[in-house]
Amino acid sequence: MPRVNLHRRLALLEQQLTTEPILLLMPDGRTETLRGDVLDWFTRALRGDRTPEIELIAQSESSTEPGGAHMIDLVRALLNGPAENAL
């Protein structure tokens, strides 16, 4: 079985994800454009970090991502999900 270079494949995936902008639809009807590393935003959301980009994602209603991906939807769900201690 051929050996797969995982680091090389992840780097290529990250490059593909960061070349095209992500459009965020905001509640007031405007759009915001993000460029960057979607996987980084995902891990930041898991850690509970709040950066300007993370705040925009949290406030957005929907997004358009390259290739029809839904990673930003997952980040938004993590950020806006129910609180841990909610009753």
Protein backbone atom coordinates (compact mmCIF):
# COMPACT_ATOMS: atom_id res chain seq x y z
CA MET A 1 0.00 0.00 0.00
CA PRO A 2 1.45 3.41 -0.94
CA ARG A 3 2.33 5.71 1.93
CA VAL A 4 0.30 8.92 2.03
CA ASN A 5 2.02 12.10 3.10
CA LEU A 6 -0.68 13.48 5.39
CA HIS A 7 1.10 16.78 6.07
CA ARG A 8 1.43 17.48 2.36
CA ARG A 9 -2.22 16.67 1.73
CA LEU A 10 -3.39 18.87 4.62
CA ALA A 11 -1.24 21.73 3.35
CA LEU A 12 -2.82 21.41 -0.09
CA LEU A 13 -6.29 21.36 1.44
CA GLU A 14 -5.57 24.46 3.51
CA GLN A 15 -4.23 26.24 0.44
CA GLN A 16 -7.42 25.44 -1.47
CA LEU A 17 -9.60 26.65 1.39
CA THR A 18 -7.76 29.96 1.81
CA THR A 19 -7.52 31.04 -1.83
CA GLU A 20 -11.18 31.88 -2.35
CA PRO A 21 -13.04 34.29 -0.05
CA ILE A 22 -15.85 33.22 2.23
CA LEU A 23 -18.90 35.45 2.11
CA LEU A 24 -20.88 35.91 5.33
CA LEU A 25 -24.47 37.11 5.19
CA MET A 26 -25.15 39.35 8.16
CA PRO A 27 -28.56 39.92 9.82
CA ASP A 28 -28.82 43.48 8.45
CA GLY A 29 -28.45 42.22 4.84
CA ARG A 30 -24.85 43.24 4.26
CA THR A 31 -22.12 40.78 3.38
CA GLU A 32 -18.70 40.46 4.96
CA THR A 33 -15.77 38.81 3.21
CA LEU A 34 -13.33 36.60 5.10
CA ARG A 35 -10.06 35.17 3.88
CA GLY A 36 -8.08 32.84 6.01
CA ASP A 37 -7.72 29.40 7.44
CA VAL A 38 -11.10 27.79 8.09
CA LEU A 39 -9.50 24.97 10.08
CA ASP A 40 -7.85 27.56 12.33
CA TRP A 41 -11.21 29.25 12.97
CA PHE A 42 -12.71 25.85 13.75
CA THR A 43 -10.04 25.06 16.35
CA ARG A 44 -10.33 28.56 17.83
CA ALA A 45 -14.09 28.10 18.17
CA LEU A 46 -13.50 24.77 19.94
CA ARG A 47 -11.15 26.52 22.40
CA GLY A 48 -13.60 29.39 22.94
CA ASP A 49 -11.32 32.06 21.46
CA ARG A 50 -12.98 35.30 20.35
CA THR A 51 -11.21 37.14 17.54
CA PRO A 52 -12.76 39.71 15.17
CA GLU A 53 -13.17 37.00 12.53
CA ILE A 54 -14.75 34.61 15.03
CA GLU A 55 -17.17 37.34 16.13
CA LEU A 56 -18.20 37.98 12.52
CA ILE A 57 -18.84 34.27 12.01
CA ALA A 58 -20.87 34.11 15.23
CA GLN A 59 -23.01 37.08 14.18
CA SER A 60 -23.58 35.87 10.61
CA GLU A 61 -26.75 34.15 9.44
CA SER A 62 -25.29 32.09 6.60
CA SER A 63 -22.25 31.83 4.37
CA THR A 64 -21.06 30.96 0.89
CA GLU A 65 -17.86 28.94 0.86
CA PRO A 66 -15.60 27.71 -1.93
CA GLY A 67 -16.78 24.43 -3.36
CA GLY A 68 -20.03 24.52 -1.40
CA ALA A 69 -18.33 23.60 1.88
CA HIS A 70 -20.09 24.05 5.22
CA MET A 71 -17.17 24.48 7.66
CA ILE A 72 -18.25 28.00 8.62
CA ASP A 73 -21.71 26.62 9.44
CA LEU A 74 -20.02 24.21 11.86
CA VAL A 75 -18.00 27.04 13.41
CA ARG A 76 -21.19 29.12 13.77
CA ALA A 77 -22.97 26.17 15.42
CA LEU A 78 -20.12 25.75 17.91
CA LEU A 79 -20.14 29.46 18.74
CA ASN A 80 -23.91 29.85 19.00
CA GLY A 81 -24.80 26.45 20.45
CA PRO A 82 -26.50 26.02 23.79
CA ALA A 83 -24.48 27.04 26.82
CA GLU A 84 -22.96 24.19 28.82
CA ASN A 85 -24.75 25.13 32.00
CA ALA A 86 -28.08 26.10 30.47
CA LEU A 87 -31.05 24.70 32.34
